[in-house]
Amino acid sequence: MHLRQGRGQVLVLAALTISLAILSTQAYVYQRSRARYSTDYSILSDYVLSIEQGSRHVVVASLINVSGGGGASNLEGNLDRWEALVVGDYRFGRCDLNTTLASQLPYSDGVWLDWGTDGKGVSSAFADFTLNLSGRGVGVEWSFDVNASTVVLVSGYWKPTHTNETLVTVIIDLLNDGEPALASNVTVAYWRSNEWNDPSVLPSYSMLDYGNGTYRCSFIDVIPDTPIQVRVQASDRRGVFVQAEASLPER
């Protein structure tokens, strides 16, 4: 957990640095275009969109940190720093970027972590943004929201074999923002002898990656307790961590 938290902190700093670099580049281009008295507002549009893109980077990087063991308050702190960077980078008048963290259930301080025992796990961060630019003939009012989420769905079944062992099949579906997503890491554990066990050490273990966010794990062992309890821990390609437990029925 501490390794994930440390990695998340590094990614937050990287996201802020990259977002500021993109923003500074757009600001320079925008300044040059104004120096030429350009009437093309696409430059300003790109600048505004770079702020939106940077905001998403910071929210996602914060979610990586929080899901890896960091405090939920890190989201607010990172967004405060981002607001200060955006406002300080603007040189053409007045700039206000304000963030409102989602507070309605199931969110608290913009974060929703629900790593349940019902076959579904959620790691999510949600914030609303308002951007106002004014001065030097420019007036922009822009509102947008960022909802970054990683969801894991766990299902499957078990059935007895002819050798008094149990064949367990676990189906794992990973989603980013409601769409199928690839995992950077998936681990499965099963409950036996009053502790979680690693099935990957078993000769029968196999993990099939369908390449579309669905994974199929199977293994055989002597498991006296039923229904079979499994736990799945996964990280998506962004680095967001999520887990869920499930009770598998017999087939």
C-alpha atoms as a PDB file:
ATOM      1  CA  MET A   1       0.000   0.000   0.000  1.00  0.00           C
ATOM      2  CA  HIS A   2       2.822   2.421   0.841  1.00  0.00           C
ATOM      3  CA  LEU A   3       4.425   1.742  -2.548  1.00  0.00           C
ATOM      4  CA  ARG A   4       1.170   2.619  -4.318  1.00  0.00           C
ATOM      5  CA  GLN A   5       0.817   5.765  -2.211  1.00  0.00           C
ATOM      6  CA  GLY A   6       4.371   6.901  -3.013  1.00  0.00           C
ATOM      7  CA  ARG A   7       3.834   6.238  -6.710  1.00  0.00           C
ATOM      8  CA  GLY A   8       0.592   8.210  -6.555  1.00  0.00           C
ATOM      9  CA  GLN A   9       2.365  11.203  -5.014  1.00  0.00           C
ATOM     10  CA  VAL A  10       4.962  11.160  -7.783  1.00  0.00           C
ATOM     11  CA  LEU A  11       2.213  11.004 -10.411  1.00  0.00           C
ATOM     12  CA  VAL A  12       0.419  13.971  -8.830  1.00  0.00           C
ATOM     13  CA  LEU A  13       3.581  16.066  -9.098  1.00  0.00           C
ATOM     14  CA  ALA A  14       4.114  14.864 -12.675  1.00  0.00           C
ATOM     15  CA  ALA A  15       0.522  15.723 -13.602  1.00  0.00           C
ATOM     16  CA  LEU A  16       0.869  19.227 -12.194  1.00  0.00           C
ATOM     17  CA  THR A  17       4.172  19.737 -14.013  1.00  0.00           C
ATOM     18  CA  ILE A  18       2.887  18.447 -17.361  1.00  0.00           C
ATOM     19  CA  SER A  19      -0.382  20.358 -17.067  1.00  0.00           C
ATOM     20  CA  LEU A  20       1.471  23.575 -16.274  1.00  0.00           C
ATOM     21  CA  ALA A  21       3.839  23.026 -19.214  1.00  0.00           C
ATOM     22  CA  ILE A  22       0.878  22.553 -21.582  1.00  0.00           C
ATOM     23  CA  LEU A  23      -0.820  25.599 -20.123  1.00  0.00           C
ATOM     24  CA  SER A  24       2.302  27.755 -20.404  1.00  0.00           C
ATOM     25  CA  THR A  25       2.750  26.748 -24.039  1.00  0.00           C
ATOM     26  CA  GLN A  26      -0.859  27.626 -24.833  1.00  0.00           C
ATOM     27  CA  ALA A  27      -0.480  30.919 -22.968  1.00  0.00           C
ATOM     28  CA  TYR A  28       2.611  31.796 -25.034  1.00  0.00           C
ATOM     29  CA  VAL A  29       0.857  30.963 -28.287  1.00  0.00           C
ATOM     30  CA  TYR A  30      -2.156  32.974 -27.158  1.00  0.00           C
ATOM     31  CA  GLN A  31       0.078  35.941 -26.259  1.00  0.00           C
ATOM     32  CA  ARG A  32       1.816  35.807 -29.665  1.00  0.00           C
ATOM     33  CA  SER A  33      -1.515  35.663 -31.455  1.00  0.00           C
ATOM     34  CA  ARG A  34      -2.731  38.758 -29.576  1.00  0.00           C
ATOM     35  CA  ALA A  35       0.498  40.568 -30.444  1.00  0.00           C
ATOM     36  CA  ARG A  36      -0.385  40.027 -34.111  1.00  0.00           C
ATOM     37  CA  TYR A  37      -3.939  41.300 -33.451  1.00  0.00           C
ATOM     38  CA  SER A  38      -5.325  37.953 -34.488  1.00  0.00           C
ATOM     39  CA  THR A  39      -9.098  37.657 -34.612  1.00  0.00           C
ATOM     40  CA  ASP A  40      -8.936  33.878 -34.588  1.00  0.00           C
ATOM     41  CA  TYR A  41     -10.464  32.764 -31.305  1.00  0.00           C
ATOM     42  CA  SER A  42      -9.381  29.162 -31.830  1.00  0.00           C
ATOM     43  CA  ILE A  43      -6.176  29.989 -29.933  1.00  0.00           C
ATOM     44  CA  LEU A  44      -8.184  31.135 -26.927  1.00  0.00           C
ATOM     45  CA  SER A  45     -10.365  28.041 -27.244  1.00  0.00           C
ATOM     46  CA  ASP A  46      -7.277  25.822 -27.183  1.00  0.00           C
ATOM     47  CA  TYR A  47      -6.050  27.640 -24.093  1.00  0.00           C
ATOM     48  CA  VAL A  48      -9.342  27.083 -22.276  1.00  0.00           C
ATOM     49  CA  LEU A  49      -9.415  23.425 -23.301  1.00  0.00           C
ATOM     50  CA  SER A  50      -5.847  22.992 -22.030  1.00  0.00           C
ATOM     51  CA  ILE A  51      -7.067  24.126 -18.610  1.00  0.00           C
ATOM     52  CA  GLU A  52      -9.831  21.525 -18.761  1.00  0.00           C
ATOM     53  CA  GLN A  53      -7.353  18.844 -19.818  1.00  0.00           C
ATOM     54  CA  GLY A  54      -4.964  19.820 -17.039  1.00  0.00           C
ATOM     55  CA  SER A  55      -7.790  19.684 -14.507  1.00  0.00           C
ATOM     56  CA  ARG A  56      -8.565  16.118 -15.561  1.00  0.00           C
ATOM     57  CA  HIS A  57      -4.905  15.143 -15.220  1.00  0.00           C
ATOM     58  CA  VAL A  58      -4.831  16.461 -11.651  1.00  0.00           C
ATOM     59  CA  VAL A  59      -8.078  14.685 -10.673  1.00  0.00           C
ATOM     60  CA  VAL A  60      -6.899  11.352 -12.112  1.00  0.00           C
ATOM     61  CA  ALA A  61      -3.448  11.660 -10.521  1.00  0.00           C
ATOM     62  CA  SER A  62      -5.087  12.481  -7.176  1.00  0.00           C
ATOM     63  CA  LEU A  63      -7.330   9.425  -7.489  1.00  0.00           C
ATOM     64  CA  ILE A  64      -4.248   7.281  -8.080  1.00  0.00           C
ATOM     65  CA  ASN A  65      -2.790   8.686  -4.874  1.00  0.00           C
ATOM     66  CA  VAL A  66      -5.955   8.270  -2.781  1.00  0.00           C
ATOM     67  CA  SER A  67      -6.745   4.756  -4.036  1.00  0.00           C
ATOM     68  CA  GLY A  68      -3.156   3.792  -3.219  1.00  0.00           C
ATOM     69  CA  GLY A  69      -3.513   4.775   0.427  1.00  0.00           C
ATOM     70  CA  GLY A  70      -3.266   8.572   0.385  1.00  0.00           C
ATOM     71  CA  GLY A  71      -5.731  10.712   2.306  1.00  0.00           C
ATOM     72  CA  ALA A  72      -8.939  11.829   0.613  1.00  0.00           C
ATOM     73  CA  SER A  73      -8.016  15.436   1.426  1.00  0.00           C
ATOM     74  CA  ASN A  74      -5.159  15.162  -1.091  1.00  0.00           C
ATOM     75  CA  LEU A  75      -7.657  15.752  -3.903  1.00  0.00           C
ATOM     76  CA  GLU A  76      -8.652  19.137  -2.519  1.00  0.00           C
ATOM     77  CA  GLY A  77      -5.047  20.083  -1.793  1.00  0.00           C
ATOM     78  CA  ASN A  78      -3.872  19.171  -5.298  1.00  0.00           C
ATOM     79  CA  LEU A  79      -6.741  21.089  -6.913  1.00  0.00           C
ATOM     80  CA  ASP A  80      -5.952  24.142  -4.770  1.00  0.00           C
ATOM     81  CA  ARG A  81      -2.394  24.030  -6.098  1.00  0.00           C
ATOM     82  CA  TRP A  82      -3.683  23.637  -9.645  1.00  0.00           C
ATOM     83  CA  GLU A  83      -6.001  26.629  -9.260  1.00  0.00           C
ATOM     84  CA  ALA A  84      -3.076  28.736  -8.036  1.00  0.00           C
ATOM     85  CA  LEU A  85      -0.904  27.621 -10.980  1.00  0.00           C
ATOM     86  CA  VAL A  86      -3.614  28.470 -13.529  1.00  0.00           C
ATOM     87  CA  VAL A  87      -4.355  31.880 -12.038  1.00  0.00           C
ATOM     88  CA  GLY A  88      -0.662  32.730 -11.686  1.00  0.00           C
ATOM     89  CA  ASP A  89       0.105  31.698 -15.265  1.00  0.00           C
ATOM     90  CA  TYR A  90      -2.469  34.003 -16.866  1.00  0.00           C
ATOM     91  CA  ARG A  91      -1.051  37.398 -17.876  1.00  0.00           C
ATOM     92  CA  PHE A  92      -3.775  38.973 -19.984  1.00  0.00           C
ATOM     93  CA  GLY A  93      -6.279  40.178 -17.405  1.00  0.00           C
ATOM     94  CA  ARG A  94      -8.269  38.416 -14.709  1.00  0.00           C
ATOM     95  CA  CYS A  95      -8.454  34.628 -14.367  1.00  0.00           C
ATOM     96  CA  ASP A  96     -10.550  32.731 -11.845  1.00  0.00           C
ATOM     97  CA  LEU A  97     -10.651  28.940 -11.661  1.00  0.00           C
ATOM     98  CA  ASN A  98     -12.883  27.578  -8.927  1.00  0.00           C
ATOM     99  CA  THR A  99     -13.385  23.958  -7.942  1.00  0.00           C
ATOM    100  CA  THR A 100     -16.305  22.369  -6.129  1.00  0.00           C
ATOM    101  CA  LEU A 101     -15.785  18.827  -4.882  1.00  0.00           C
ATOM    102  CA  ALA A 102     -18.705  16.409  -5.069  1.00  0.00           C
ATOM    103  CA  SER A 103     -20.246  16.148  -1.605  1.00  0.00           C
ATOM    104  CA  GLN A 104     -23.494  14.250  -2.148  1.00  0.00           C
ATOM    105  CA  LEU A 105     -23.481  10.569  -1.255  1.00  0.00           C
ATOM    106  CA  PRO A 106     -21.722   8.361  -2.138  1.00  0.00           C
ATOM    107  CA  TYR A 107     -19.016  11.060  -2.504  1.00  0.00           C
ATOM    108  CA  SER A 108     -17.216  12.718   0.383  1.00  0.00           C
ATOM    109  CA  ASP A 109     -14.661  15.475  -0.307  1.00  0.00           C
ATOM    110  CA  GLY A 110     -14.931  14.533  -3.979  1.00  0.00           C
ATOM    111  CA  VAL A 111     -13.862  10.916  -3.432  1.00  0.00           C
ATOM    112  CA  TRP A 112     -15.812   7.657  -3.506  1.00  0.00           C
ATOM    113  CA  LEU A 113     -14.023   4.447  -2.536  1.00  0.00           C
ATOM    114  CA  ASP A 114     -16.334   1.448  -2.195  1.00  0.00           C
ATOM    115  CA  TRP A 115     -14.449  -1.821  -2.200  1.00  0.00           C
ATOM    116  CA  GLY A 116     -17.375  -4.014  -1.340  1.00  0.00           C
ATOM    117  CA  THR A 117     -18.123  -7.671  -0.771  1.00  0.00           C
ATOM    118  CA  ASP A 118     -20.984  -7.808  -3.291  1.00  0.00           C
ATOM    119  CA  GLY A 119     -18.846  -8.273  -6.397  1.00  0.00           C
ATOM    120  CA  LYS A 120     -18.354  -4.589  -7.187  1.00  0.00           C
ATOM    121  CA  GLY A 121     -15.541  -2.205  -6.317  1.00  0.00           C
ATOM    122  CA  VAL A 122     -15.395   1.512  -7.114  1.00  0.00           C
ATOM    123  CA  SER A 123     -12.611   4.099  -6.983  1.00  0.00           C
ATOM    124  CA  SER A 124     -13.847   7.493  -8.144  1.00  0.00           C
ATOM    125  CA  ALA A 125     -13.136  11.234  -7.892  1.00  0.00           C
ATOM    126  CA  PHE A 126     -15.566  13.947  -8.988  1.00  0.00           C
ATOM    127  CA  ALA A 127     -15.212  17.728  -9.153  1.00  0.00           C
ATOM    128  CA  ASP A 128     -16.994  20.635 -10.858  1.00  0.00           C
ATOM    129  CA  PHE A 129     -14.989  23.526 -12.314  1.00  0.00           C
ATOM    130  CA  THR A 130     -15.851  27.085 -13.324  1.00  0.00           C
ATOM    131  CA  LEU A 131     -13.408  29.211 -15.323  1.00  0.00           C
ATOM    132  CA  ASN A 132     -13.736  32.950 -15.870  1.00  0.00           C
ATOM    133  CA  LEU A 133     -11.347  34.969 -18.037  1.00  0.00           C
ATOM    134  CA  SER A 134     -11.752  38.705 -18.527  1.00  0.00           C
ATOM    135  CA  GLY A 135      -9.766  41.744 -19.667  1.00  0.00           C
ATOM    136  CA  ARG A 136      -8.223  43.015 -22.904  1.00  0.00           C
ATOM    137  CA  GLY A 137     -11.371  42.422 -24.870  1.00  0.00           C
ATOM    138  CA  VAL A 138     -11.774  38.829 -23.730  1.00  0.00           C
ATOM    139  CA  GLY A 139     -14.690  37.402 -21.778  1.00  0.00           C
ATOM    140  CA  VAL A 140     -14.929  33.678 -21.109  1.00  0.00           C
ATOM    141  CA  GLU A 141     -17.257  31.818 -18.764  1.00  0.00           C
ATOM    142  CA  TRP A 142     -16.739  28.068 -18.918  1.00  0.00           C
ATOM    143  CA  SER A 143     -18.060  25.289 -16.702  1.00  0.00           C
ATOM    144  CA  PHE A 144     -17.109  21.626 -16.835  1.00  0.00           C
ATOM    145  CA  ASP A 145     -16.860  18.617 -14.584  1.00  0.00           C
ATOM    146  CA  VAL A 146     -14.362  15.803 -14.227  1.00  0.00           C
ATOM    147  CA  ASN A 147     -15.550  12.394 -13.053  1.00  0.00           C
ATOM    148  CA  ALA A 148     -12.727   9.862 -13.066  1.00  0.00           C
ATOM    149  CA  SER A 149     -13.739   6.365 -12.042  1.00  0.00           C
ATOM    150  CA  THR A 150     -12.406   2.841 -12.077  1.00  0.00           C
ATOM    151  CA  VAL A 151     -14.816  -0.033 -11.427  1.00  0.00           C
ATOM    152  CA  VAL A 152     -14.143  -3.740 -11.066  1.00  0.00           C
ATOM    153  CA  LEU A 153     -16.951  -6.296 -11.370  1.00  0.00           C
ATOM    154  CA  VAL A 154     -16.350  -9.791 -10.009  1.00  0.00           C
ATOM    155  CA  SER A 155     -18.480 -12.824 -10.804  1.00  0.00           C
ATOM    156  CA  GLY A 156     -17.978 -16.529 -11.476  1.00  0.00           C
ATOM    157  CA  TYR A 157     -18.819 -19.955 -10.101  1.00  0.00           C
ATOM    158  CA  TRP A 158     -17.406 -23.133  -8.651  1.00  0.00           C
ATOM    159  CA  LYS A 159     -18.097 -26.836  -9.176  1.00  0.00           C
ATOM    160  CA  PRO A 160     -16.769 -30.047  -7.623  1.00  0.00           C
ATOM    161  CA  THR A 161     -14.442 -32.302  -9.542  1.00  0.00           C
ATOM    162  CA  HIS A 162     -14.230 -36.107  -9.535  1.00  0.00           C
ATOM    163  CA  THR A 163     -11.241 -35.936  -7.174  1.00  0.00           C
ATOM    164  CA  ASN A 164     -13.062 -34.124  -4.349  1.00  0.00           C
ATOM    165  CA  GLU A 165     -11.423 -30.887  -5.331  1.00  0.00           C
ATOM    166  CA  THR A 166     -13.111 -27.668  -6.398  1.00  0.00           C
ATOM    167  CA  LEU A 167     -12.802 -25.955  -9.772  1.00  0.00           C
ATOM    168  CA  VAL A 168     -13.150 -22.189  -9.333  1.00  0.00           C
ATOM    169  CA  THR A 169     -13.767 -19.776 -12.191  1.00  0.00           C
ATOM    170  CA  VAL A 170     -13.583 -16.014 -11.604  1.00  0.00           C
ATOM    171  CA  ILE A 171     -14.749 -13.472 -14.205  1.00  0.00           C
ATOM    172  CA  ILE A 172     -13.335  -9.962 -13.850  1.00  0.00           C
ATOM    173  CA  ASP A 173     -14.532  -6.886 -15.755  1.00  0.00           C
ATOM    174  CA  LEU A 174     -12.637  -3.588 -15.449  1.00  0.00           C
ATOM    175  CA  LEU A 175     -14.148  -0.234 -16.425  1.00  0.00           C
ATOM    176  CA  ASN A 176     -12.804   3.306 -16.780  1.00  0.00           C
ATOM    177  CA  ASP A 177     -15.498   5.991 -16.717  1.00  0.00           C
ATOM    178  CA  GLY A 178     -18.080   3.400 -17.713  1.00  0.00           C
ATOM    179  CA  GLU A 179     -16.066   1.961 -20.614  1.00  0.00           C
ATOM    180  CA  PRO A 180     -14.083  -1.313 -20.759  1.00  0.00           C
ATOM    181  CA  ALA A 181     -10.480  -0.770 -19.678  1.00  0.00           C
ATOM    182  CA  LEU A 182      -7.250  -2.730 -19.623  1.00  0.00           C
ATOM    183  CA  ALA A 183      -5.496  -3.540 -16.377  1.00  0.00           C
ATOM    184  CA  SER A 184      -1.832  -3.117 -15.575  1.00  0.00           C
ATOM    185  CA  ASN A 185      -2.185  -5.683 -12.810  1.00  0.00           C
ATOM    186  CA  VAL A 186      -4.854  -8.158 -11.626  1.00  0.00           C
ATOM    187  CA  THR A 187      -4.529 -10.470  -8.631  1.00  0.00           C
ATOM    188  CA  VAL A 188      -7.018 -12.978  -7.287  1.00  0.00           C
ATOM    189  CA  ALA A 189      -7.222 -14.508  -3.813  1.00  0.00           C
ATOM    190  CA  TYR A 190      -9.583 -17.118  -2.328  1.00  0.00           C
ATOM    191  CA  TRP A 191     -10.612 -17.793   1.261  1.00  0.00           C
ATOM    192  CA  ARG A 192      -9.523 -21.094   2.776  1.00  0.00           C
ATOM    193  CA  SER A 193      -8.381 -22.132   6.252  1.00  0.00           C
ATOM    194  CA  ASN A 194      -9.333 -18.729   7.693  1.00  0.00           C
ATOM    195  CA  GLU A 195      -6.996 -16.777   5.453  1.00  0.00           C
ATOM    196  CA  TRP A 196      -6.650 -15.422   1.931  1.00  0.00           C
ATOM    197  CA  ASN A 197      -4.705 -17.713  -0.386  1.00  0.00           C
ATOM    198  CA  ASP A 198      -2.877 -17.001  -3.637  1.00  0.00           C
ATOM    199  CA  PRO A 199      -4.116 -19.303  -6.420  1.00  0.00           C
ATOM    200  CA  SER A 200      -1.273 -18.367  -8.775  1.00  0.00           C
ATOM    201  CA  VAL A 201       1.006 -20.799  -6.910  1.00  0.00           C
ATOM    202  CA  LEU A 202      -1.242 -23.724  -7.889  1.00  0.00           C
ATOM    203  CA  PRO A 203      -0.299 -25.842 -10.940  1.00  0.00           C
ATOM    204  CA  SER A 204      -3.872 -25.536 -12.219  1.00  0.00           C
ATOM    205  CA  TYR A 205      -3.919 -21.729 -12.152  1.00  0.00           C
ATOM    206  CA  SER A 206      -4.598 -19.816 -15.359  1.00  0.00           C
ATOM    207  CA  MET A 207      -5.474 -16.192 -16.165  1.00  0.00           C
ATOM    208  CA  LEU A 208      -6.952 -15.385 -19.562  1.00  0.00           C
ATOM    209  CA  ASP A 209      -6.911 -11.790 -20.818  1.00  0.00           C
ATOM    210  CA  TYR A 210      -9.565 -11.209 -23.487  1.00  0.00           C
ATOM    211  CA  GLY A 211      -8.025  -7.845 -24.423  1.00  0.00           C
ATOM    212  CA  ASN A 212     -11.277  -5.935 -23.852  1.00  0.00           C
ATOM    213  CA  GLY A 213     -11.234  -5.361 -20.086  1.00  0.00           C
ATOM    214  CA  THR A 214     -12.478  -8.873 -19.254  1.00  0.00           C
ATOM    215  CA  TYR A 215     -10.287 -11.428 -17.494  1.00  0.00           C
ATOM    216  CA  ARG A 216     -11.002 -15.067 -16.657  1.00  0.00           C
ATOM    217  CA  CYS A 217      -9.175 -16.782 -13.835  1.00  0.00           C
ATOM    218  CA  SER A 218      -9.504 -20.487 -13.006  1.00  0.00           C
ATOM    219  CA  PHE A 219      -7.854 -22.859 -10.556  1.00  0.00           C
ATOM    220  CA  ILE A 220      -8.433 -26.147  -8.714  1.00  0.00           C
ATOM    221  CA  ASP A 221      -7.878 -26.782  -5.027  1.00  0.00           C
ATOM    222  CA  VAL A 222      -9.411 -28.529  -2.019  1.00  0.00           C
ATOM    223  CA  ILE A 223     -11.712 -25.888  -0.554  1.00  0.00           C
ATOM    224  CA  PRO A 224     -13.991 -27.262   2.151  1.00  0.00           C
ATOM    225  CA  ASP A 225     -15.962 -24.056   2.801  1.00  0.00           C
ATOM    226  CA  THR A 226     -18.766 -22.968   0.491  1.00  0.00           C
ATOM    227  CA  PRO A 227     -19.800 -20.695  -1.043  1.00  0.00           C
ATOM    228  CA  ILE A 228     -16.363 -19.864  -2.366  1.00  0.00           C
ATOM    229  CA  GLN A 229     -15.151 -16.403  -1.339  1.00  0.00           C
ATOM    230  CA  VAL A 230     -12.797 -14.571  -3.707  1.00  0.00           C
ATOM    231  CA  ARG A 231     -11.105 -11.201  -3.692  1.00  0.00           C
ATOM    232  CA  VAL A 232      -9.852  -9.328  -6.753  1.00  0.00           C
ATOM    233  CA  GLN A 233      -7.376  -6.467  -6.640  1.00  0.00           C
ATOM    234  CA  ALA A 234      -6.656  -4.547  -9.837  1.00  0.00           C
ATOM    235  CA  SER A 235      -4.921  -1.458 -11.134  1.00  0.00           C
ATOM    236  CA  ASP A 236      -5.918   0.066 -14.453  1.00  0.00           C
ATOM    237  CA  ARG A 237      -3.421   1.375 -17.002  1.00  0.00           C
ATOM    238  CA  ARG A 238      -3.665   4.821 -15.401  1.00  0.00           C
ATOM    239  CA  GLY A 239      -2.575   3.393 -12.044  1.00  0.00           C
ATOM    240  CA  VAL A 240      -5.893   3.653 -10.182  1.00  0.00           C
ATOM    241  CA  PHE A 241      -6.310   0.818  -7.674  1.00  0.00           C
ATOM    242  CA  VAL A 242      -9.612  -0.928  -6.924  1.00  0.00           C
ATOM    243  CA  GLN A 243     -10.704  -4.160  -5.273  1.00  0.00           C
ATOM    244  CA  ALA A 244     -13.835  -6.199  -4.636  1.00  0.00           C
ATOM    245  CA  GLU A 245     -14.864  -9.435  -2.970  1.00  0.00           C
ATOM    246  CA  ALA A 246     -17.594 -11.845  -4.061  1.00  0.00           C
ATOM    247  CA  SER A 247     -19.291 -15.082  -3.016  1.00  0.00           C
ATOM    248  CA  LEU A 248     -19.385 -17.484  -5.937  1.00  0.00           C
ATOM    249  CA  PRO A 249     -22.335 -19.844  -6.445  1.00  0.00           C
ATOM    250  CA  GLU A 250     -22.114 -23.486  -7.396  1.00  0.00           C
ATOM    251  CA  ARG A 251     -22.776 -24.450 -10.975  1.00  0.00           C
END
